[in-house]
Structures are given as structure tokens and as C-alpha cells.
N, C-alpha and C. Protein backbone atom coordinates (compact mmCIF):
# COMPACT_ATOMS: atom_id res chain seq x y z
N MET A 1 158.27 21.63 -76.69
CA MET A 1 157.42 21.63 -75.81
C MET A 1 158.34 23.26 -74.83
N ALA A 2 157.05 24.12 -74.70
CA ALA A 2 157.43 25.19 -73.78
C ALA A 2 157.82 24.84 -72.62
N PRO A 3 158.86 25.97 -71.97
CA PRO A 3 158.93 25.40 -70.77
C PRO A 3 157.91 25.51 -69.80
N GLY A 4 157.92 24.45 -68.60
CA GLY A 4 156.67 24.75 -68.03
C GLY A 4 155.48 23.47 -68.44
N GLU A 5 155.40 23.15 -69.48
CA GLU A 5 154.53 22.55 -70.15
C GLU A 5 154.37 21.13 -69.78
N HIS A 6 153.59 20.42 -69.21
CA HIS A 6 153.91 19.16 -69.45
C HIS A 6 153.01 18.68 -69.76
N ARG A 7 153.51 17.32 -70.66
CA ARG A 7 153.11 16.34 -71.98
C ARG A 7 152.73 15.21 -71.29
N THR A 8 151.92 14.67 -71.76
CA THR A 8 151.95 13.40 -71.26
C THR A 8 151.52 12.11 -72.55
N PRO A 9 151.12 10.86 -72.41
CA PRO A 9 151.28 10.10 -73.47
C PRO A 9 149.48 9.97 -73.25
N HIS A 10 149.15 9.35 -74.49
CA HIS A 10 147.64 9.56 -75.01
C HIS A 10 146.92 8.37 -74.50
N HIS A 11 147.12 7.48 -73.24
CA HIS A 11 146.46 6.33 -73.02
C HIS A 11 145.56 7.09 -71.58
N PRO A 12 144.17 6.81 -71.41
CA PRO A 12 143.00 7.23 -70.68
C PRO A 12 143.71 7.37 -68.82
N ARG A 13 143.13 8.03 -68.23
CA ARG A 13 143.06 8.08 -66.78
C ARG A 13 142.18 7.02 -66.21
N HIS A 14 142.59 6.24 -65.03
CA HIS A 14 141.30 5.39 -64.65
C HIS A 14 141.21 6.46 -63.53
N PRO A 15 140.38 7.52 -62.60
CA PRO A 15 140.61 8.01 -61.29
C PRO A 15 140.62 6.97 -60.23
N ARG A 16 140.70 7.10 -59.34
CA ARG A 16 140.19 6.20 -58.21
C ARG A 16 140.78 7.32 -57.11
N ARG A 17 140.32 7.13 -55.69
CA ARG A 17 140.17 7.43 -54.55
C ARG A 17 141.50 7.25 -53.49
N ARG A 18 142.15 8.00 -52.81
CA ARG A 18 143.06 7.56 -51.97
C ARG A 18 142.74 7.35 -50.74
N PRO A 19 142.96 6.39 -50.09
CA PRO A 19 142.58 6.41 -48.63
C PRO A 19 143.14 7.78 -47.84
N ARG A 20 142.75 8.74 -46.79
CA ARG A 20 142.64 9.50 -46.13
C ARG A 20 143.94 8.95 -44.90
N GLN A 21 145.02 9.59 -45.13
CA GLN A 21 146.21 8.67 -43.67
C GLN A 21 146.86 10.55 -43.49
N THR A 22 147.20 11.20 -44.31
CA THR A 22 147.97 11.96 -43.66
C THR A 22 147.81 13.49 -45.09
N HIS A 23 147.96 14.74 -44.29
CA HIS A 23 148.22 16.15 -45.42
C HIS A 23 149.66 16.02 -46.09
N ARG A 24 150.54 15.16 -45.93
CA ARG A 24 151.42 14.94 -46.62
C ARG A 24 151.38 14.21 -47.70
N ARG A 25 151.53 14.69 -49.23
CA ARG A 25 151.04 13.98 -50.11
C ARG A 25 152.61 14.79 -51.57
N THR A 26 152.43 13.20 -52.20
CA THR A 26 152.66 13.66 -53.30
C THR A 26 152.08 13.96 -54.38
N GLY A 27 152.55 14.43 -55.72
CA GLY A 27 151.79 14.15 -56.43
C GLY A 27 150.54 13.01 -57.05
N ARG A 28 149.86 12.92 -58.06
CA ARG A 28 148.94 11.76 -57.72
C ARG A 28 149.62 10.62 -58.71
N GLN A 29 149.99 9.94 -58.57
CA GLN A 29 150.42 9.10 -59.12
C GLN A 29 149.16 8.01 -59.99
N ARG A 30 149.08 8.61 -61.67
CA ARG A 30 148.17 8.41 -62.51
C ARG A 30 148.57 8.56 -63.53
N ASP A 31 147.50 8.06 -64.52
CA ASP A 31 148.22 7.87 -65.78
C ASP A 31 147.84 9.66 -66.69
N HIS A 32 148.67 10.21 -67.42
CA HIS A 32 148.98 10.94 -67.71
C HIS A 32 147.72 10.84 -68.98
N HIS A 33 147.38 11.78 -69.43
CA HIS A 33 146.11 11.35 -70.82
C HIS A 33 145.86 12.92 -71.37
N HIS A 34 145.48 12.13 -72.79
CA HIS A 34 144.70 13.59 -73.17
C HIS A 34 143.26 13.18 -73.08
N GLU A 35 142.56 14.10 -72.88
CA GLU A 35 141.11 14.11 -72.48
C GLU A 35 140.60 13.97 -73.56
N GLN A 36 139.29 12.67 -73.58
CA GLN A 36 138.40 12.29 -74.49
C GLN A 36 136.94 13.03 -74.42
N GLN A 37 136.27 12.67 -75.10
CA GLN A 37 135.30 13.81 -75.43
C GLN A 37 134.35 13.21 -74.19
N ARG A 38 133.45 13.69 -73.12
CA ARG A 38 133.05 13.06 -71.86
C ARG A 38 131.05 13.44 -72.35
N HIS A 39 130.46 13.12 -71.74
CA HIS A 39 129.05 12.90 -71.60
C HIS A 39 128.80 15.12 -71.38
N PRO A 40 127.41 14.97 -71.70
CA PRO A 40 127.52 16.17 -71.82
C PRO A 40 127.18 16.22 -69.69
N LEU A 41 127.44 17.34 -68.87
CA LEU A 41 127.13 17.68 -67.52
C LEU A 41 125.36 18.03 -67.22
N HIS A 42 125.37 17.11 -66.00
CA HIS A 42 123.91 17.34 -65.73
C HIS A 42 123.69 18.08 -64.22
N ARG A 43 124.45 18.96 -64.08
CA ARG A 43 124.59 19.76 -63.10
C ARG A 43 125.50 21.32 -63.82
N PRO A 44 124.67 22.37 -62.68
CA PRO A 44 125.05 23.59 -63.63
C PRO A 44 126.68 23.49 -63.05
N LEU A 45 127.50 24.64 -64.43
CA LEU A 45 128.92 24.78 -63.94
C LEU A 45 128.78 26.64 -63.74
N PRO A 46 130.70 26.49 -63.21
CA PRO A 46 130.40 28.12 -62.80
C PRO A 46 130.36 29.14 -64.18
N PRO A 47 130.45 30.29 -63.42
CA PRO A 47 130.57 31.51 -64.73
C PRO A 47 131.35 31.30 -65.66
N LEU A 48 130.82 32.04 -66.96
CA LEU A 48 131.61 32.70 -67.82
C LEU A 48 131.54 33.87 -68.04
N PRO A 49 132.02 34.89 -67.62
CA PRO A 49 131.53 36.15 -67.69
C PRO A 49 132.11 36.82 -69.09
N HIS A 50 131.39 37.61 -69.83
CA HIS A 50 131.18 38.32 -70.96
C HIS A 50 133.34 38.37 -71.14
N GLY A 51 133.34 38.26 -72.22
CA GLY A 51 134.65 38.46 -72.48
C GLY A 51 135.81 37.04 -71.99
N TRP A 52 135.51 36.18 -71.61
CA TRP A 52 136.72 35.05 -70.75
C TRP A 52 137.00 34.45 -72.20
N ASP A 53 135.84 34.10 -73.14
CA ASP A 53 136.13 33.59 -74.27
C ASP A 53 135.62 34.45 -75.37
N ARG A 54 136.02 33.95 -76.66
CA ARG A 54 135.48 34.80 -77.51
C ARG A 54 134.10 33.81 -78.16
N ARG A 55 133.64 33.33 -77.49
CA ARG A 55 132.08 33.00 -77.94
C ARG A 55 131.57 34.30 -77.35
N GLN A 56 129.92 34.45 -78.59
CA GLN A 56 129.42 35.36 -78.37
C GLN A 56 128.19 35.19 -77.20
N HIS A 57 127.75 33.48 -77.43
CA HIS A 57 126.56 33.77 -76.24
C HIS A 57 127.50 32.26 -75.34
N LEU A 58 126.82 33.21 -73.92
CA LEU A 58 127.18 32.80 -72.71
C LEU A 58 126.05 31.96 -72.53
N ASP A 59 126.11 30.74 -71.69
CA ASP A 59 125.78 29.78 -71.51
C ASP A 59 125.18 30.35 -69.94
N PRO A 60 123.77 30.33 -69.66
CA PRO A 60 122.92 31.18 -68.94
C PRO A 60 123.11 30.46 -67.24
N ARG A 61 123.93 29.20 -67.62
CA ARG A 61 124.12 28.21 -66.07
C ARG A 61 125.03 29.14 -65.74
N LEU A 62 126.00 30.23 -65.81
CA LEU A 62 127.30 30.60 -65.73
C LEU A 62 127.22 31.61 -64.85
N ARG A 63 126.07 31.98 -64.52
CA ARG A 63 126.04 33.80 -64.13
C ARG A 63 126.15 33.43 -62.72
N SER A 64 126.09 32.69 -61.66
CA SER A 64 125.82 33.15 -60.33
C SER A 64 127.16 33.28 -59.45
N ALA A 65 128.32 32.72 -59.99
CA ALA A 65 129.69 33.04 -59.70
C ALA A 65 129.97 34.11 -59.67
N ALA A 66 129.78 34.49 -60.98
CA ALA A 66 130.36 35.88 -61.70
C ALA A 66 129.49 36.83 -60.85
N GLU A 67 128.07 36.93 -60.39
CA GLU A 67 127.48 37.73 -59.79
C GLU A 67 128.19 37.71 -58.34
N SER A 68 128.36 36.57 -58.15
CA SER A 68 129.17 36.68 -56.52
C SER A 68 130.43 37.05 -56.58
N TRP A 69 131.32 37.18 -57.60
CA TRP A 69 132.78 37.54 -57.49
C TRP A 69 132.22 38.90 -57.76
N ARG A 70 131.51 39.79 -58.58
CA ARG A 70 131.46 41.17 -58.16
C ARG A 70 131.50 41.91 -57.25
N ARG A 71 130.41 41.08 -56.39
CA ARG A 71 129.72 41.62 -54.99
C ARG A 71 131.08 41.94 -54.09
N SER A 72 131.95 40.87 -54.45
CA SER A 72 133.07 40.70 -53.42
C SER A 72 133.77 41.76 -53.88
N SER A 73 134.32 41.70 -55.23
CA SER A 73 135.62 42.37 -55.76
C SER A 73 135.23 43.91 -56.23
N GLY A 74 134.20 44.07 -56.84
CA GLY A 74 133.17 44.93 -57.07
C GLY A 74 134.27 45.54 -58.41
N GLU A 75 134.55 44.37 -59.22
CA GLU A 75 135.35 44.95 -60.09
C GLU A 75 134.96 44.09 -61.39
N PRO A 76 134.50 44.16 -62.57
CA PRO A 76 134.05 42.92 -63.48
C PRO A 76 135.29 41.95 -63.52
N PRO A 77 135.22 40.91 -63.62
CA PRO A 77 136.24 39.75 -63.59
C PRO A 77 137.13 39.52 -64.90
N ASN A 78 137.25 40.23 -65.86
CA ASN A 78 137.91 39.77 -67.45
C ASN A 78 138.13 41.89 -67.19
N ARG A 79 138.98 41.89 -66.07
CA ARG A 79 140.30 42.87 -66.35
C ARG A 79 141.58 42.22 -66.65
N GLN A 80 142.14 43.20 -67.34
CA GLN A 80 143.46 43.15 -67.98
C GLN A 80 144.47 42.73 -66.89
N SER A 81 145.43 42.32 -67.25
CA SER A 81 146.47 41.71 -66.53
C SER A 81 147.70 42.68 -66.15
N SER A 82 148.32 43.18 -65.29
CA SER A 82 149.21 44.11 -64.92
C SER A 82 150.18 44.09 -63.39
N ARG A 83 150.71 44.66 -63.08
CA ARG A 83 151.61 44.52 -61.99
C ARG A 83 150.25 45.11 -61.06
N ASP A 84 149.71 46.04 -61.35
CA ASP A 84 148.38 46.48 -60.41
C ASP A 84 147.60 45.69 -60.21
N THR A 85 147.23 44.94 -60.66
CA THR A 85 145.88 44.23 -60.70
C THR A 85 145.95 42.54 -60.30
N TRP A 86 147.15 41.97 -60.39
CA TRP A 86 147.74 40.87 -60.21
C TRP A 86 147.65 40.74 -59.00
N PRO A 87 147.19 39.58 -58.24
CA PRO A 87 146.96 38.40 -59.30
C PRO A 87 145.45 38.16 -59.84
N VAL A 88 145.45 37.62 -60.70
CA VAL A 88 144.00 37.78 -61.32
C VAL A 88 144.09 36.00 -62.23
N HIS A 89 142.46 35.64 -61.96
CA HIS A 89 142.51 34.16 -62.72
C HIS A 89 140.84 34.39 -63.59
N THR A 90 140.60 33.67 -64.75
CA THR A 90 139.80 33.57 -65.72
C THR A 90 139.68 32.08 -66.08
N TRP A 91 138.10 31.67 -66.19
CA TRP A 91 137.50 30.53 -66.31
C TRP A 91 137.21 30.39 -68.09
N VAL A 92 137.52 29.07 -68.78
CA VAL A 92 137.02 28.73 -70.11
C VAL A 92 135.91 27.49 -70.19
N GLU A 93 135.11 27.33 -70.55
CA GLU A 93 133.98 26.63 -70.39
C GLU A 93 134.46 25.59 -71.25
N HIS A 94 134.70 24.05 -70.85
CA HIS A 94 134.54 23.00 -71.90
C HIS A 94 133.87 22.23 -71.70
N THR A 95 132.96 20.91 -72.39
CA THR A 95 132.50 20.04 -72.28
C THR A 95 132.83 19.06 -71.21
N ALA A 96 131.82 19.23 -69.96
CA ALA A 96 132.45 18.41 -68.83
C ALA A 96 133.77 18.97 -68.51
N GLU A 97 134.34 20.32 -68.33
CA GLU A 97 135.74 20.05 -67.87
C GLU A 97 136.00 21.95 -67.91
N LEU A 98 136.39 22.81 -67.20
CA LEU A 98 136.91 23.64 -67.07
C LEU A 98 138.58 24.17 -66.63
N GLU A 99 138.42 24.75 -67.76
CA GLU A 99 140.00 25.57 -68.00
C GLU A 99 140.41 26.72 -66.74
N LEU A 100 141.22 27.01 -65.92
CA LEU A 100 141.37 27.56 -65.06
C LEU A 100 143.03 28.87 -65.78
N ARG A 101 142.69 29.71 -65.81
CA ARG A 101 144.01 30.57 -66.28
C ARG A 101 144.46 31.27 -65.12
N VAL A 102 145.55 31.66 -64.14
CA VAL A 102 146.31 32.29 -63.33
C VAL A 102 147.46 32.97 -63.44
N GLU A 103 147.34 34.28 -63.81
CA GLU A 103 148.32 34.75 -63.32
C GLU A 103 148.92 35.97 -62.27
N ALA A 104 150.01 35.87 -61.76
CA ALA A 104 150.64 36.19 -60.72
C ALA A 104 151.77 36.45 -60.65
N ALA A 105 152.85 37.37 -59.51
CA ALA A 105 153.45 37.65 -59.43
C ALA A 105 154.77 36.73 -59.69
N ASP A 106 154.56 35.61 -58.62
CA ASP A 106 155.16 34.79 -58.18
C ASP A 106 154.56 33.22 -57.81
N GLU A 107 155.61 32.28 -57.58
CA GLU A 107 154.67 30.94 -57.73
C GLU A 107 153.62 31.11 -56.49
N ALA A 108 154.50 31.48 -55.12
CA ALA A 108 153.33 31.25 -54.23
C ALA A 108 151.78 32.12 -54.43
N ALA A 109 151.90 33.10 -55.03
CA ALA A 109 151.20 33.90 -55.51
C ALA A 109 149.70 33.01 -56.92
N VAL A 110 150.23 32.31 -57.51
CA VAL A 110 149.68 31.81 -58.31
C VAL A 110 148.70 30.19 -57.58
N PHE A 111 149.38 29.91 -56.49
CA PHE A 111 148.86 28.87 -56.06
C PHE A 111 147.65 29.39 -54.86
N ALA A 112 147.68 30.69 -54.36
CA ALA A 112 146.82 31.44 -53.47
C ALA A 112 145.87 32.01 -54.49
N GLU A 113 145.90 32.26 -55.36
CA GLU A 113 144.94 32.44 -56.39
C GLU A 113 143.99 31.21 -57.10
N ALA A 114 144.85 29.95 -56.86
CA ALA A 114 144.27 29.03 -57.54
C ALA A 114 143.09 29.13 -56.49
N LEU A 115 143.93 28.95 -55.17
CA LEU A 115 142.77 28.49 -54.15
C LEU A 115 141.50 29.36 -54.13
N ALA A 116 141.71 30.06 -54.71
CA ALA A 116 140.87 31.88 -54.78
C ALA A 116 139.77 31.21 -55.47
N ALA A 117 140.25 30.74 -56.51
CA ALA A 117 139.15 30.55 -57.50
C ALA A 117 138.70 29.49 -57.15
N LEU A 118 139.17 28.16 -56.94
CA LEU A 118 138.54 26.92 -56.80
C LEU A 118 137.67 27.66 -55.60
N GLY A 119 137.89 28.15 -54.77
CA GLY A 119 136.91 28.31 -53.78
C GLY A 119 135.37 28.96 -53.61
N GLU A 120 135.75 30.08 -55.17
CA GLU A 120 134.47 30.81 -55.47
C GLU A 120 133.87 30.34 -56.56
N LEU A 121 134.57 28.90 -57.07
CA LEU A 121 133.40 28.09 -57.85
C LEU A 121 132.50 27.19 -56.74
N LEU A 122 133.50 26.59 -55.52
CA LEU A 122 132.96 25.65 -54.96
C LEU A 122 131.88 26.34 -53.67
N ASP A 123 132.00 27.80 -53.84
CA ASP A 123 131.17 28.20 -52.56
C ASP A 123 129.82 28.29 -52.46
N ASP A 124 128.97 27.92 -51.58
CA ASP A 124 127.60 27.85 -51.30
C ASP A 124 127.31 28.75 -49.96
N ASP A 125 126.53 30.07 -50.87
CA ASP A 125 125.99 31.16 -49.90
C ASP A 125 125.31 30.85 -48.39
N ARG A 126 125.22 29.71 -48.42
CA ARG A 126 124.65 29.21 -47.08
C ARG A 126 125.47 28.57 -46.25
N ALA A 127 126.60 28.19 -46.72
CA ALA A 127 127.84 27.99 -46.26
C ALA A 127 128.29 28.40 -44.85
N GLY A 128 128.67 28.18 -43.21
CA GLY A 128 128.39 29.24 -42.43
C GLY A 128 129.19 28.45 -41.49
N GLY A 129 129.51 28.87 -39.94
CA GLY A 129 130.55 28.20 -39.21
C GLY A 129 131.82 28.58 -38.83
N GLU A 130 132.29 28.42 -37.74
CA GLU A 130 133.98 29.30 -37.81
C GLU A 130 134.65 28.76 -39.05
N PRO A 131 135.91 29.68 -39.27
CA PRO A 131 136.37 29.05 -40.08
C PRO A 131 137.72 28.07 -39.77
N VAL A 132 138.12 26.82 -40.30
CA VAL A 132 139.10 26.43 -39.60
C VAL A 132 140.21 26.12 -40.80
N GLU A 133 141.57 25.45 -40.14
CA GLU A 133 142.64 25.25 -40.85
C GLU A 133 143.51 24.08 -40.76
N ARG A 134 143.76 23.82 -42.25
CA ARG A 134 144.48 22.65 -42.31
C ARG A 134 145.52 22.65 -43.10
N ALA A 135 146.76 22.04 -42.35
CA ALA A 135 148.30 22.38 -42.96
C ALA A 135 148.25 21.76 -44.00
N VAL A 136 148.65 22.03 -45.02
CA VAL A 136 148.85 21.02 -46.11
C VAL A 136 150.40 21.16 -47.02
N ALA A 137 151.01 20.17 -46.80
CA ALA A 137 152.22 19.80 -47.68
C ALA A 137 152.47 19.01 -48.53
N LEU A 138 152.88 19.13 -50.01
CA LEU A 138 153.15 18.68 -51.36
C LEU A 138 154.21 18.56 -51.80
N GLU A 139 154.01 17.44 -52.99
CA GLU A 139 155.67 17.28 -53.29
C GLU A 139 154.80 16.72 -54.58
N ALA A 140 155.95 16.99 -55.70
CA ALA A 140 155.42 16.76 -57.45
C ALA A 140 156.77 16.46 -58.26
N ALA A 141 156.78 16.13 -59.04
CA ALA A 141 157.65 15.94 -60.28
C ALA A 141 158.51 17.38 -60.80
N ASP A 142 157.47 18.32 -60.97
CA ASP A 142 157.62 19.71 -61.22
C ASP A 142 156.62 20.41 -61.43
N ARG A 143 156.58 21.49 -61.69
CA ARG A 143 156.12 23.41 -60.66
C ARG A 143 154.53 22.57 -61.70
N PRO A 144 154.07 22.55 -62.52
CA PRO A 144 152.99 21.93 -63.28
C PRO A 144 152.04 21.14 -62.55
N ALA A 145 152.50 19.75 -62.51
CA ALA A 145 152.30 18.95 -61.49
C ALA A 145 152.05 19.02 -60.30
N LEU A 146 152.37 19.90 -59.73
CA LEU A 146 152.45 20.17 -58.03
C LEU A 146 151.76 21.53 -57.89
N LEU A 147 150.89 21.99 -58.68
CA LEU A 147 149.53 23.03 -59.34
C LEU A 147 148.91 22.18 -58.93
N ALA A 148 148.37 20.48 -59.89
CA ALA A 148 147.78 19.57 -60.31
C ALA A 148 147.13 19.05 -58.75
N ALA A 149 148.32 18.73 -58.25
CA ALA A 149 148.52 17.95 -56.66
C ALA A 149 147.49 19.25 -55.85
N TRP A 150 147.74 20.39 -55.92
CA TRP A 150 147.18 21.55 -55.09
C TRP A 150 145.72 21.80 -55.25
N ILE A 151 145.43 21.50 -56.64
CA ILE A 151 144.25 21.36 -56.78
C ILE A 151 142.96 20.16 -56.15
N ASP A 152 143.91 19.30 -56.45
CA ASP A 152 143.55 17.64 -56.32
C ASP A 152 143.45 17.55 -54.83
N GLU A 153 144.10 18.36 -54.06
CA GLU A 153 143.87 18.88 -52.42
C GLU A 153 142.78 18.91 -51.80
N LEU A 154 142.70 20.26 -52.61
CA LEU A 154 141.56 21.32 -52.20
C LEU A 154 140.28 20.63 -52.46
N ALA A 155 139.93 19.79 -53.69
CA ALA A 155 138.96 18.89 -53.99
C ALA A 155 138.65 18.10 -52.91
N TYR A 156 139.35 17.28 -52.57
CA TYR A 156 139.57 16.42 -51.68
C TYR A 156 138.81 16.91 -50.43
N LEU A 157 139.46 17.84 -49.96
CA LEU A 157 138.95 18.20 -48.83
C LEU A 157 138.02 18.71 -48.68
N ALA A 158 137.31 19.40 -50.04
CA ALA A 158 135.75 19.70 -50.36
C ALA A 158 134.83 18.83 -49.98
N GLU A 159 135.40 17.32 -50.94
CA GLU A 159 134.43 16.44 -51.39
C GLU A 159 134.43 15.66 -49.65
N THR A 160 135.34 15.40 -49.27
CA THR A 160 135.60 14.54 -47.85
C THR A 160 135.75 15.21 -46.75
N GLU A 161 135.83 16.92 -46.37
CA GLU A 161 135.56 17.62 -45.04
C GLU A 161 134.29 18.16 -45.53
N ASP A 162 133.61 18.88 -46.54
CA ASP A 162 132.92 19.51 -46.85
C ASP A 162 133.57 21.07 -46.21
N LEU A 163 134.70 21.07 -46.95
CA LEU A 163 135.80 22.28 -46.88
C LEU A 163 135.92 23.39 -47.44
N ILE A 164 135.37 24.49 -47.65
CA ILE A 164 134.92 25.11 -48.83
C ILE A 164 136.27 26.20 -48.69
N PRO A 165 137.58 26.20 -49.48
CA PRO A 165 138.36 26.82 -49.42
C PRO A 165 138.08 28.74 -49.56
N LEU A 166 138.88 29.04 -48.58
CA LEU A 166 138.70 30.61 -48.32
C LEU A 166 139.95 31.29 -48.96
N GLU A 167 141.06 30.82 -48.34
CA GLU A 167 142.57 31.76 -48.45
C GLU A 167 143.41 30.77 -48.03
N ALA A 168 144.80 30.70 -48.42
CA ALA A 168 146.06 30.13 -48.59
C ALA A 168 146.82 30.90 -47.79
N ARG A 169 147.69 30.67 -46.25
CA ARG A 169 148.34 31.20 -45.91
C ARG A 169 149.38 30.75 -45.65
N ALA A 170 150.35 31.72 -45.35
CA ALA A 170 151.96 31.29 -45.19
C ALA A 170 152.83 30.17 -46.26
N VAL A 171 152.52 30.47 -47.46
CA VAL A 171 152.32 29.24 -48.94
C VAL A 171 153.69 29.68 -48.83
N GLU A 172 154.87 28.77 -49.35
CA GLU A 172 156.24 28.38 -49.53
C GLU A 172 156.09 27.29 -50.68
N VAL A 173 156.86 27.58 -51.52
CA VAL A 173 157.75 26.92 -52.75
C VAL A 173 158.64 26.76 -52.56
N GLU A 174 159.40 25.35 -52.87
CA GLU A 174 160.61 25.24 -52.46
C GLU A 174 160.97 24.42 -53.93
N ASP A 175 162.01 25.11 -54.76
CA ASP A 175 162.22 24.59 -56.08
C ASP A 175 161.22 24.34 -56.94
N GLY A 176 160.05 24.75 -56.81
CA GLY A 176 159.07 24.15 -57.56
C GLY A 176 158.18 23.15 -57.90
N VAL A 177 158.81 22.31 -56.91
CA VAL A 177 158.71 20.97 -56.70
C VAL A 177 158.26 20.51 -55.32
N ARG A 178 157.89 21.50 -54.23
CA ARG A 178 157.19 21.01 -52.81
C ARG A 178 156.61 22.79 -52.22
N LEU A 179 155.57 22.28 -51.70
CA LEU A 179 154.89 22.97 -51.29
C LEU A 179 154.41 23.20 -49.67
N ARG A 180 154.15 24.14 -49.07
CA ARG A 180 154.01 23.80 -47.90
C ARG A 180 152.58 25.16 -47.45
N ALA A 181 151.59 25.10 -47.03
CA ALA A 181 150.39 26.08 -46.81
C ALA A 181 149.57 25.64 -46.01
N THR A 182 149.04 26.69 -45.22
CA THR A 182 147.76 26.51 -44.65
C THR A 182 146.36 27.06 -45.43
N VAL A 183 145.71 26.35 -45.86
CA VAL A 183 144.57 26.54 -46.15
C VAL A 183 143.38 26.74 -45.18
N VAL A 184 142.89 27.73 -45.31
CA VAL A 184 141.78 28.12 -44.24
C VAL A 184 140.45 28.02 -45.06
N GLY A 185 139.47 27.66 -44.48
CA GLY A 185 138.08 27.15 -45.16
C GLY A 185 137.05 27.19 -44.36
N ARG A 186 135.83 27.36 -44.67
CA ARG A 186 134.61 27.12 -43.70
C ARG A 186 133.63 25.96 -44.05
N PRO A 187 133.00 25.21 -43.03
CA PRO A 187 132.24 23.93 -43.59
C PRO A 187 131.43 24.62 -44.66
N GLY A 188 130.68 23.72 -45.37
CA GLY A 188 129.39 23.96 -46.60
C GLY A 188 129.31 22.44 -47.24
N ARG A 189 128.41 22.59 -48.00
CA ARG A 189 128.59 21.84 -49.36
C ARG A 189 128.90 22.34 -49.76
N PRO A 190 129.62 22.27 -50.84
CA PRO A 190 129.95 22.75 -52.08
C PRO A 190 129.31 22.72 -53.29
N ARG A 191 129.31 23.99 -53.82
CA ARG A 191 128.06 24.08 -55.01
C ARG A 191 128.06 23.22 -56.06
N HIS A 192 129.44 22.69 -56.26
CA HIS A 192 129.52 22.13 -57.71
C HIS A 192 130.75 20.76 -57.22
N VAL A 193 130.58 19.81 -57.75
CA VAL A 193 131.38 19.05 -57.62
C VAL A 193 132.91 19.14 -58.60
N VAL A 194 134.23 19.02 -57.80
CA VAL A 194 135.38 19.10 -58.61
C VAL A 194 136.02 17.40 -58.77
N LYS A 195 136.01 16.97 -59.14
CA LYS A 195 136.98 15.46 -59.29
C LYS A 195 138.47 15.70 -58.84
N GLY A 196 138.85 16.73 -59.64
CA GLY A 196 140.58 17.43 -59.34
C GLY A 196 140.61 18.17 -60.76
N ALA A 197 142.34 17.68 -61.11
CA ALA A 197 142.46 18.30 -62.04
C ALA A 197 143.31 17.50 -62.89
N THR A 198 143.50 17.73 -64.65
CA THR A 198 144.11 17.09 -65.44
C THR A 198 145.19 17.13 -65.93
N TYR A 199 145.95 16.35 -66.71
CA TYR A 199 147.36 17.01 -67.19
C TYR A 199 147.27 17.53 -68.68
N HIS A 200 145.63 17.41 -69.07
CA HIS A 200 145.61 18.30 -70.41
C HIS A 200 145.81 19.71 -70.55
N ARG A 201 146.72 20.54 -71.19
CA ARG A 201 146.87 21.51 -71.33
C ARG A 201 147.64 22.07 -69.93
N LEU A 202 147.80 21.19 -68.92
CA LEU A 202 148.81 21.64 -67.87
C LEU A 202 149.85 22.51 -68.08
N ARG A 203 149.84 23.66 -67.74
CA ARG A 203 150.81 24.59 -67.87
C ARG A 203 151.40 25.21 -66.66
N PHE A 204 152.84 25.87 -66.12
CA PHE A 204 152.79 26.54 -65.19
C PHE A 204 154.28 27.13 -65.29
N ALA A 205 154.64 28.24 -65.73
CA ALA A 205 155.84 29.15 -66.41
C ALA A 205 156.11 30.21 -65.93
N PRO A 206 157.25 30.96 -66.14
CA PRO A 206 157.55 32.39 -65.69
C PRO A 206 156.97 32.68 -67.48
N GLU A 207 156.59 34.24 -66.79
CA GLU A 207 155.66 34.31 -68.35
C GLU A 207 156.00 36.21 -68.25
N GLY A 208 156.90 36.86 -68.83
CA GLY A 208 156.79 38.21 -68.43
C GLY A 208 157.79 38.78 -67.15
N ASP A 209 157.03 39.44 -66.71
CA ASP A 209 157.47 40.07 -65.08
C ASP A 209 156.66 38.72 -63.91
N GLY A 210 155.88 37.87 -64.56
CA GLY A 210 155.45 36.79 -63.55
C GLY A 210 155.62 35.60 -63.96
N TYR A 211 154.66 35.16 -63.41
CA TYR A 211 153.84 33.21 -63.68
C TYR A 211 152.52 33.13 -64.24
N VAL A 212 152.22 32.48 -65.59
CA VAL A 212 151.00 32.10 -65.58
C VAL A 212 150.86 30.47 -65.37
N ALA A 213 149.87 30.38 -65.28
CA ALA A 213 149.35 28.86 -64.90
C ALA A 213 147.76 28.42 -65.75
N THR A 214 147.89 27.33 -66.57
CA THR A 214 146.78 26.92 -66.88
C THR A 214 146.78 25.43 -66.40
N VAL A 215 145.21 25.07 -65.70
CA VAL A 215 145.17 23.41 -65.37
C VAL A 215 143.41 23.53 -65.89
N VAL A 216 143.19 22.29 -66.51
CA VAL A 216 141.90 21.96 -66.64
C VAL A 216 141.43 20.98 -65.22
N LEU A 217 140.02 21.36 -64.86
CA LEU A 217 139.63 20.31 -64.08
C LEU A 217 138.49 20.04 -64.46
N ASP A 218 138.42 18.72 -63.97
CA ASP A 218 137.32 17.60 -64.57
C ASP A 218 136.35 17.85 -63.24
N VAL A 219 134.81 17.90 -64.04
CA VAL A 219 134.06 18.36 -63.15
C VAL A 219 132.59 17.71 -63.97
């Protein structure tokens, strides 16, 4: 098993909602699993811009966020990663799930870019209101599990508080297992429903001059 890769047993996960008590959390205590085939989605998925995977045909449902990304950045999202373009993220579509890949110079930047990617997925142009902040503190068994806990927390805030994440500030990562950050978001109904992160193909490890992480989202 490669360093930073999270391997799990083969029994299924039974998702459950946690009571909302505090923003200090540990990684979800849930069964690790290999995802089984799911029923097809009945709602739109986020974009799969040309070049993000090797298929010739792109799902027409996946255009809106790609266009939003281009409007905000002025660049196509399938750029090559380098020190000049870090951090970057890409989406790959699977049945009933999405895989997010993030490349960044350091651990904190991976978490910040993962928030930016999720915000792009959830953003509704109709969302408005003054930005709000939420202090988040997380702990997990290792670096990949900490990333999964981060995605879970952001999805939880979006679902329970209608908070669309915009930016991660003051991100601090300690020993790869503890995270403190301020989540800046705005009120709005999420455009897509993200149930959380899975442990299927979960990875977060040093690579080259920086870090590469992959996480599959249950949508």
C-alpha cells in the first residue's frame, strides 16, 4: 500500500447523522468500505470539463459549474499542475459519486483547495447575504482521514445551515491528524446534495514538490 493511502475492509457503510453539538470533531466513526454499485442519480451532477478524464463524450448535465469556474478564474480548469499554477483541483465523474483530486504545495493548501472545489460544486448563483464565519477543529487517525472529516464537516454545514463555503482562512495542520481553520461562507441553498466523503480510493500523501490528495464524494 502506497504511503498516504487509506485501505479499508469490504463491509458496507451505514451512514448516520450526528447530533450537532460543537464544531470540534474527530473523523467520523463509521465503517470503512469499498463502494458498491449505486442507483443512478436523479439530479444534476457538477461539470466534467474536457480533458478531466479520457472519455470522448461529456455528460451535458456537467457544464454549468465549469462555466462558472471559467468566469471566476479566466482559465480553463484542465490546466497542468506546476509550482506556478498550484493549487489545482479536478473532478472525475463516477456513478452516484464524484472523485476530487487536489494538488497543492503543502497540506494546508490541500484543505483550502478542497473547500474551494466543494464551494464551486455547491454554489448557487442566487445565494446572497453577508459572509459568515465558522471556526472548525478536527482530529482524525491520519492525513487521508482528516481530509475526509473536513469534507464531511463542510457538507454538514451546507446541509444543516445552508452555508455555501467560499474560503478557508488560518488553516493549521498539526502532525497530519489535527486541523484548525476558519470557514468563510455565505447563506444559500446548495445546488447539489453532497452526503459526505467515502474511504474508497482515499489518498493524501507527499508527491514531488508538494502533496496530492484524492477523495470520492457520495452524492
